[in-house]
Amino acid sequence: MELRAAVAADIPAVLAFWKVAAEDTNRVGDDAGAVAALIARDPEALQLATDGGEIVGCLIAGFDGWRCHLYRFAVHPGRRRQGIGRLLLDAAEERFRALGARRADAMVLEDNTGAHGAWVAAGYEMQPEWRRWIKRLGG
């Protein structure tokens, strides 16, 4: 297995992978243009776990200069509980430490209860006092 940053040529495979392995894949902005913009802005943010050239896991580990954000964390359903997610999280956290960050937050759907245990096992805690607010800006 290889961990590596996604490149523009990976975009179609990433979008297809999300349809199989990720929750809430019908979000506005989950399209080729948005992924290309992410890769162009922060070439190390979208990390892929590949096996034989096939994507088996991914995680966006974004850093805005102040906070670290983890999202679009997914492992192929047939490859879960094999340590792939742990490898992706460890690599993301190491990247954040190297950038001088002190805290990471993860965006996890409330009803994605299957993921909650994985986040707890990785040392993350839910912050019940916070609620995410969003506004669509077109598109």
N, C-alpha and C. Protein backbone atom coordinates (compact mmCIF):
# COMPACT_ATOMS: atom_id res chain seq x y z
N MET A 1 0.84 -1.17 0.00
CA MET A 1 0.00 0.00 0.00
C MET A 1 0.89 1.24 0.00
N GLU A 2 0.41 2.27 -0.66
CA GLU A 2 1.14 3.52 -0.76
C GLU A 2 0.24 4.66 -0.29
N LEU A 3 0.82 5.59 0.48
CA LEU A 3 0.15 6.84 0.83
C LEU A 3 0.80 7.92 -0.01
N ARG A 4 -0.06 8.75 -0.65
CA ARG A 4 0.47 9.80 -1.49
C ARG A 4 -0.57 10.91 -1.65
N ALA A 5 -0.08 12.05 -2.05
CA ALA A 5 -0.98 13.16 -2.34
C ALA A 5 -1.64 12.93 -3.70
N ALA A 6 -2.89 13.33 -3.80
CA ALA A 6 -3.61 13.23 -5.07
C ALA A 6 -3.06 14.25 -6.06
N VAL A 7 -3.12 13.91 -7.32
CA VAL A 7 -2.76 14.82 -8.41
C VAL A 7 -4.00 14.96 -9.31
N ALA A 8 -3.94 15.92 -10.20
CA ALA A 8 -5.09 16.21 -11.06
C ALA A 8 -5.59 14.97 -11.81
N ALA A 9 -4.70 14.11 -12.23
CA ALA A 9 -5.11 12.90 -12.96
C ALA A 9 -5.94 11.95 -12.10
N ASP A 10 -5.88 12.09 -10.78
CA ASP A 10 -6.64 11.23 -9.86
C ASP A 10 -8.09 11.68 -9.69
N ILE A 11 -8.44 12.86 -10.11
CA ILE A 11 -9.75 13.44 -9.79
C ILE A 11 -10.92 12.53 -10.17
N PRO A 12 -11.00 12.00 -11.39
CA PRO A 12 -12.13 11.12 -11.70
C PRO A 12 -12.21 9.91 -10.77
N ALA A 13 -11.08 9.32 -10.46
CA ALA A 13 -11.06 8.15 -9.57
C ALA A 13 -11.47 8.54 -8.15
N VAL A 14 -11.05 9.71 -7.68
CA VAL A 14 -11.44 10.18 -6.34
C VAL A 14 -12.95 10.37 -6.28
N LEU A 15 -13.53 11.02 -7.26
CA LEU A 15 -14.98 11.24 -7.27
C LEU A 15 -15.73 9.91 -7.31
N ALA A 16 -15.26 8.96 -8.10
CA ALA A 16 -15.89 7.64 -8.15
C ALA A 16 -15.73 6.91 -6.82
N PHE A 17 -14.56 7.04 -6.20
CA PHE A 17 -14.31 6.41 -4.90
C PHE A 17 -15.27 6.94 -3.85
N TRP A 18 -15.46 8.25 -3.80
CA TRP A 18 -16.37 8.84 -2.82
C TRP A 18 -17.78 8.27 -2.96
N LYS A 19 -18.22 7.99 -4.18
CA LYS A 19 -19.56 7.43 -4.39
C LYS A 19 -19.69 6.05 -3.75
N VAL A 20 -18.60 5.32 -3.68
CA VAL A 20 -18.60 3.97 -3.13
C VAL A 20 -18.34 3.97 -1.62
N ALA A 21 -17.43 4.83 -1.16
CA ALA A 21 -16.90 4.71 0.19
C ALA A 21 -17.28 5.82 1.15
N ALA A 22 -17.77 6.95 0.66
CA ALA A 22 -18.01 8.10 1.54
C ALA A 22 -19.50 8.30 1.80
N GLU A 23 -19.77 9.02 2.86
CA GLU A 23 -21.14 9.40 3.20
C GLU A 23 -21.47 10.73 2.53
N ASP A 24 -22.74 10.99 2.32
CA ASP A 24 -23.22 12.29 1.84
C ASP A 24 -22.47 12.74 0.59
N THR A 25 -22.55 11.94 -0.45
CA THR A 25 -21.80 12.24 -1.67
C THR A 25 -22.55 13.16 -2.63
N ASN A 26 -23.66 13.70 -2.23
CA ASN A 26 -24.42 14.59 -3.11
C ASN A 26 -24.29 16.04 -2.69
N ARG A 27 -23.21 16.40 -2.05
CA ARG A 27 -23.01 17.77 -1.59
C ARG A 27 -22.65 18.69 -2.74
N VAL A 28 -23.12 19.91 -2.63
CA VAL A 28 -22.70 20.94 -3.59
C VAL A 28 -21.20 21.14 -3.42
N GLY A 29 -20.51 21.19 -4.51
CA GLY A 29 -19.07 21.42 -4.46
C GLY A 29 -18.22 20.18 -4.59
N ASP A 30 -18.82 19.01 -4.47
CA ASP A 30 -18.04 17.78 -4.65
C ASP A 30 -18.03 17.46 -6.14
N ASP A 31 -17.21 18.20 -6.86
CA ASP A 31 -17.11 17.99 -8.29
C ASP A 31 -15.65 18.16 -8.71
N ALA A 32 -15.39 17.87 -9.96
CA ALA A 32 -14.01 17.89 -10.46
C ALA A 32 -13.36 19.26 -10.30
N GLY A 33 -14.12 20.33 -10.54
CA GLY A 33 -13.55 21.67 -10.40
C GLY A 33 -13.13 21.98 -8.98
N ALA A 34 -13.94 21.59 -8.01
CA ALA A 34 -13.61 21.84 -6.61
C ALA A 34 -12.39 21.04 -6.17
N VAL A 35 -12.31 19.79 -6.60
CA VAL A 35 -11.16 18.96 -6.23
C VAL A 35 -9.89 19.50 -6.90
N ALA A 36 -10.01 19.93 -8.14
CA ALA A 36 -8.85 20.52 -8.84
C ALA A 36 -8.38 21.78 -8.13
N ALA A 37 -9.32 22.60 -7.67
CA ALA A 37 -8.95 23.82 -6.95
C ALA A 37 -8.25 23.49 -5.63
N LEU A 38 -8.72 22.47 -4.94
CA LEU A 38 -8.08 22.04 -3.69
C LEU A 38 -6.64 21.61 -3.96
N ILE A 39 -6.45 20.78 -4.96
CA ILE A 39 -5.11 20.29 -5.28
C ILE A 39 -4.19 21.43 -5.69
N ALA A 40 -4.73 22.39 -6.45
CA ALA A 40 -3.91 23.52 -6.89
C ALA A 40 -3.53 24.41 -5.70
N ARG A 41 -4.44 24.61 -4.76
CA ARG A 41 -4.19 25.49 -3.62
C ARG A 41 -3.28 24.85 -2.59
N ASP A 42 -3.51 23.56 -2.31
CA ASP A 42 -2.74 22.85 -1.30
C ASP A 42 -2.46 21.44 -1.81
N PRO A 43 -1.39 21.26 -2.56
CA PRO A 43 -1.11 19.98 -3.21
C PRO A 43 -0.96 18.78 -2.27
N GLU A 44 -0.75 19.01 -1.00
CA GLU A 44 -0.59 17.91 -0.05
C GLU A 44 -1.86 17.61 0.75
N ALA A 45 -2.92 18.36 0.55
CA ALA A 45 -4.12 18.23 1.39
C ALA A 45 -4.89 16.93 1.14
N LEU A 46 -5.08 16.55 -0.10
CA LEU A 46 -5.88 15.36 -0.41
C LEU A 46 -4.96 14.16 -0.48
N GLN A 47 -4.99 13.37 0.58
CA GLN A 47 -4.14 12.20 0.68
C GLN A 47 -4.90 10.94 0.27
N LEU A 48 -4.22 10.10 -0.48
CA LEU A 48 -4.80 8.85 -0.95
C LEU A 48 -4.01 7.67 -0.42
N ALA A 49 -4.73 6.63 -0.07
CA ALA A 49 -4.12 5.32 0.20
C ALA A 49 -4.45 4.48 -1.03
N THR A 50 -3.43 3.96 -1.68
CA THR A 50 -3.65 3.15 -2.88
C THR A 50 -3.03 1.78 -2.70
N ASP A 51 -3.62 0.82 -3.36
CA ASP A 51 -3.12 -0.55 -3.34
C ASP A 51 -3.21 -1.06 -4.77
N GLY A 52 -2.08 -1.33 -5.37
CA GLY A 52 -2.07 -1.76 -6.76
C GLY A 52 -2.63 -0.71 -7.70
N GLY A 53 -2.46 0.55 -7.34
CA GLY A 53 -2.95 1.64 -8.17
C GLY A 53 -4.40 2.03 -7.92
N GLU A 54 -5.12 1.24 -7.15
CA GLU A 54 -6.53 1.52 -6.84
C GLU A 54 -6.64 2.28 -5.52
N ILE A 55 -7.53 3.27 -5.48
CA ILE A 55 -7.75 4.02 -4.24
C ILE A 55 -8.51 3.13 -3.26
N VAL A 56 -7.96 2.99 -2.05
CA VAL A 56 -8.63 2.22 -1.00
C VAL A 56 -8.98 3.10 0.20
N GLY A 57 -8.48 4.35 0.21
CA GLY A 57 -8.79 5.28 1.28
C GLY A 57 -8.39 6.69 0.89
N CYS A 58 -9.03 7.65 1.52
CA CYS A 58 -8.64 9.05 1.27
C CYS A 58 -9.01 9.89 2.48
N LEU A 59 -8.35 11.04 2.55
CA LEU A 59 -8.59 11.99 3.63
C LEU A 59 -8.11 13.35 3.17
N ILE A 60 -8.97 14.35 3.34
CA ILE A 60 -8.53 15.72 3.10
C ILE A 60 -8.06 16.26 4.44
N ALA A 61 -6.82 16.70 4.48
CA ALA A 61 -6.20 17.26 5.68
C ALA A 61 -5.80 18.69 5.36
N GLY A 62 -6.72 19.61 5.56
CA GLY A 62 -6.49 20.99 5.20
C GLY A 62 -6.00 21.83 6.37
N PHE A 63 -5.11 22.75 6.08
CA PHE A 63 -4.59 23.66 7.09
C PHE A 63 -4.72 25.07 6.54
N ASP A 64 -5.42 25.93 7.28
CA ASP A 64 -5.65 27.29 6.80
C ASP A 64 -4.67 28.29 7.39
N GLY A 65 -3.64 27.80 8.06
CA GLY A 65 -2.66 28.66 8.70
C GLY A 65 -2.94 28.87 10.18
N TRP A 66 -4.13 28.45 10.61
CA TRP A 66 -4.51 28.59 12.01
C TRP A 66 -5.07 27.28 12.56
N ARG A 67 -6.00 26.70 11.84
CA ARG A 67 -6.64 25.46 12.29
C ARG A 67 -6.46 24.36 11.24
N CYS A 68 -6.52 23.14 11.72
CA CYS A 68 -6.41 21.97 10.86
C CYS A 68 -7.78 21.32 10.76
N HIS A 69 -8.15 20.97 9.56
CA HIS A 69 -9.48 20.40 9.32
C HIS A 69 -9.35 19.08 8.58
N LEU A 70 -10.05 18.08 9.07
CA LEU A 70 -10.06 16.75 8.46
C LEU A 70 -11.46 16.48 7.93
N TYR A 71 -11.54 16.11 6.68
CA TYR A 71 -12.85 15.79 6.12
C TYR A 71 -12.68 14.91 4.89
N ARG A 72 -13.80 14.39 4.42
CA ARG A 72 -13.85 13.44 3.30
C ARG A 72 -12.95 12.24 3.59
N PHE A 73 -13.03 11.77 4.84
CA PHE A 73 -12.27 10.61 5.30
C PHE A 73 -13.07 9.37 4.93
N ALA A 74 -12.50 8.52 4.11
CA ALA A 74 -13.23 7.33 3.68
C ALA A 74 -12.25 6.19 3.40
N VAL A 75 -12.71 5.01 3.72
CA VAL A 75 -11.98 3.78 3.40
C VAL A 75 -12.96 2.89 2.64
N HIS A 76 -12.49 2.24 1.61
CA HIS A 76 -13.36 1.36 0.83
C HIS A 76 -14.05 0.37 1.76
N PRO A 77 -15.36 0.16 1.59
CA PRO A 77 -16.08 -0.75 2.49
C PRO A 77 -15.46 -2.14 2.61
N GLY A 78 -14.88 -2.64 1.55
CA GLY A 78 -14.26 -3.97 1.59
C GLY A 78 -12.88 -3.98 2.21
N ARG A 79 -12.36 -2.81 2.57
CA ARG A 79 -11.00 -2.72 3.12
C ARG A 79 -10.98 -2.12 4.53
N ARG A 80 -12.13 -1.94 5.13
CA ARG A 80 -12.18 -1.34 6.47
C ARG A 80 -11.64 -2.31 7.51
N ARG A 81 -11.19 -1.73 8.62
CA ARG A 81 -10.65 -2.47 9.76
C ARG A 81 -9.35 -3.20 9.40
N GLN A 82 -8.59 -2.60 8.48
CA GLN A 82 -7.29 -3.14 8.09
C GLN A 82 -6.16 -2.15 8.39
N GLY A 83 -6.47 -1.05 9.06
CA GLY A 83 -5.45 -0.07 9.43
C GLY A 83 -5.24 1.04 8.41
N ILE A 84 -6.00 1.04 7.33
CA ILE A 84 -5.84 2.06 6.30
C ILE A 84 -6.20 3.44 6.84
N GLY A 85 -7.32 3.53 7.54
CA GLY A 85 -7.73 4.80 8.12
C GLY A 85 -6.71 5.33 9.11
N ARG A 86 -6.15 4.45 9.92
CA ARG A 86 -5.14 4.85 10.90
C ARG A 86 -3.91 5.41 10.19
N LEU A 87 -3.48 4.77 9.12
CA LEU A 87 -2.32 5.27 8.36
C LEU A 87 -2.60 6.67 7.81
N LEU A 88 -3.79 6.88 7.26
CA LEU A 88 -4.15 8.20 6.73
C LEU A 88 -4.19 9.25 7.82
N LEU A 89 -4.81 8.93 8.96
CA LEU A 89 -4.88 9.89 10.07
C LEU A 89 -3.50 10.19 10.63
N ASP A 90 -2.69 9.17 10.81
CA ASP A 90 -1.33 9.40 11.34
C ASP A 90 -0.54 10.32 10.41
N ALA A 91 -0.65 10.11 9.11
CA ALA A 91 0.07 10.95 8.15
C ALA A 91 -0.46 12.38 8.19
N ALA A 92 -1.77 12.54 8.30
CA ALA A 92 -2.36 13.88 8.37
C ALA A 92 -1.89 14.61 9.63
N GLU A 93 -1.93 13.92 10.76
CA GLU A 93 -1.51 14.55 12.01
C GLU A 93 -0.03 14.91 11.98
N GLU A 94 0.79 14.08 11.38
CA GLU A 94 2.22 14.40 11.25
C GLU A 94 2.41 15.63 10.37
N ARG A 95 1.64 15.71 9.30
CA ARG A 95 1.70 16.89 8.44
C ARG A 95 1.33 18.14 9.23
N PHE A 96 0.29 18.05 10.01
CA PHE A 96 -0.15 19.19 10.81
C PHE A 96 0.92 19.61 11.82
N ARG A 97 1.53 18.64 12.49
CA ARG A 97 2.59 18.96 13.45
C ARG A 97 3.75 19.66 12.76
N ALA A 98 4.13 19.18 11.58
CA ALA A 98 5.23 19.79 10.83
C ALA A 98 4.91 21.22 10.42
N LEU A 99 3.63 21.53 10.26
CA LEU A 99 3.21 22.89 9.92
C LEU A 99 3.08 23.78 11.15
N GLY A 100 3.28 23.20 12.33
CA GLY A 100 3.20 23.97 13.57
C GLY A 100 1.82 24.04 14.18
N ALA A 101 0.91 23.24 13.72
CA ALA A 101 -0.46 23.26 14.23
C ALA A 101 -0.56 22.57 15.58
N ARG A 102 -1.56 22.95 16.34
CA ARG A 102 -1.74 22.38 17.68
C ARG A 102 -3.03 21.58 17.85
N ARG A 103 -3.98 21.77 16.94
CA ARG A 103 -5.27 21.08 17.11
C ARG A 103 -5.87 20.78 15.74
N ALA A 104 -6.50 19.64 15.65
CA ALA A 104 -7.21 19.27 14.42
C ALA A 104 -8.67 19.05 14.76
N ASP A 105 -9.53 19.40 13.82
CA ASP A 105 -10.94 19.08 13.99
C ASP A 105 -11.39 18.24 12.81
N ALA A 106 -12.36 17.40 13.07
CA ALA A 106 -12.88 16.50 12.04
C ALA A 106 -14.35 16.80 11.81
N MET A 107 -14.73 16.88 10.55
CA MET A 107 -16.13 17.06 10.20
C MET A 107 -16.72 15.68 9.96
N VAL A 108 -17.67 15.29 10.83
CA VAL A 108 -18.27 13.97 10.78
C VAL A 108 -19.78 14.14 10.86
N LEU A 109 -20.49 13.52 9.94
CA LEU A 109 -21.95 13.61 9.96
C LEU A 109 -22.50 12.98 11.23
N GLU A 110 -23.47 13.63 11.82
CA GLU A 110 -24.06 13.11 13.06
C GLU A 110 -24.63 11.71 12.90
N ASP A 111 -25.25 11.45 11.76
CA ASP A 111 -25.87 10.14 11.58
C ASP A 111 -24.92 9.09 11.02
N ASN A 112 -23.66 9.43 10.83
CA ASN A 112 -22.65 8.47 10.39
C ASN A 112 -22.06 7.79 11.62
N THR A 113 -22.93 7.10 12.34
CA THR A 113 -22.54 6.51 13.63
C THR A 113 -21.45 5.45 13.47
N GLY A 114 -21.36 4.84 12.30
CA GLY A 114 -20.30 3.86 12.08
C GLY A 114 -18.91 4.48 12.16
N ALA A 115 -18.81 5.76 11.84
CA ALA A 115 -17.51 6.44 11.89
C ALA A 115 -17.17 6.95 13.28
N HIS A 116 -18.16 7.15 14.11
CA HIS A 116 -17.91 7.75 15.42
C HIS A 116 -16.90 6.95 16.23
N GLY A 117 -17.02 5.64 16.24
CA GLY A 117 -16.10 4.80 16.99
C GLY A 117 -14.67 4.91 16.49
N ALA A 118 -14.52 5.05 15.17
CA ALA A 118 -13.17 5.19 14.61
C ALA A 118 -12.52 6.48 15.07
N TRP A 119 -13.31 7.56 15.11
CA TRP A 119 -12.75 8.83 15.57
C TRP A 119 -12.39 8.77 17.05
N VAL A 120 -13.24 8.16 17.85
CA VAL A 120 -12.94 8.02 19.29
C VAL A 120 -11.68 7.18 19.47
N ALA A 121 -11.57 6.09 18.73
CA ALA A 121 -10.38 5.23 18.83
C ALA A 121 -9.11 5.97 18.44
N ALA A 122 -9.24 6.97 17.58
CA ALA A 122 -8.07 7.76 17.16
C ALA A 122 -7.78 8.91 18.11
N GLY A 123 -8.58 9.03 19.19
CA GLY A 123 -8.32 10.06 20.20
C GLY A 123 -9.10 11.34 20.03
N TYR A 124 -10.07 11.36 19.14
CA TYR A 124 -10.88 12.57 18.92
C TYR A 124 -12.10 12.55 19.84
N GLU A 125 -12.54 13.74 20.21
CA GLU A 125 -13.72 13.88 21.08
C GLU A 125 -14.75 14.75 20.36
N MET A 126 -16.01 14.39 20.51
CA MET A 126 -17.08 15.20 19.93
C MET A 126 -17.26 16.44 20.80
N GLN A 127 -17.47 17.57 20.17
CA GLN A 127 -17.74 18.82 20.89
C GLN A 127 -19.23 19.12 20.79
N PRO A 128 -20.00 18.69 21.75
CA PRO A 128 -21.45 18.88 21.64
C PRO A 128 -21.90 20.33 21.73
N GLU A 129 -21.06 21.21 22.24
CA GLU A 129 -21.46 22.61 22.38
C GLU A 129 -21.34 23.40 21.08
N TRP A 130 -20.76 22.79 20.04
CA TRP A 130 -20.59 23.47 18.76
C TRP A 130 -21.57 22.92 17.75
N ARG A 131 -22.04 23.75 16.90
CA ARG A 131 -22.89 23.36 15.79
C ARG A 131 -22.35 24.04 14.54
N ARG A 132 -22.20 23.32 13.48
CA ARG A 132 -21.68 23.87 12.23
C ARG A 132 -22.77 24.64 11.50
N TRP A 133 -22.45 25.82 11.05
CA TRP A 133 -23.37 26.65 10.28
C TRP A 133 -22.81 26.79 8.87
N ILE A 134 -23.64 26.68 7.87
CA ILE A 134 -23.17 26.77 6.50
C ILE A 134 -24.05 27.72 5.69
N LYS A 135 -23.49 28.22 4.62
CA LYS A 135 -24.22 29.04 3.65
C LYS A 135 -23.67 28.68 2.28
N ARG A 136 -24.53 28.33 1.38
CA ARG A 136 -24.10 28.05 0.01
C ARG A 136 -23.83 29.34 -0.72
N LEU A 137 -22.73 29.38 -1.41
CA LEU A 137 -22.29 30.60 -2.09
C LEU A 137 -22.41 30.47 -3.60
N GLY A 138 -23.44 29.81 -4.03
CA GLY A 138 -23.63 29.62 -5.47
C GLY A 138 -23.22 28.25 -5.89
N GLY A 139 -23.37 28.00 -7.16
CA GLY A 139 -22.97 26.71 -7.70
C GLY A 139 -23.93 25.69 -7.46
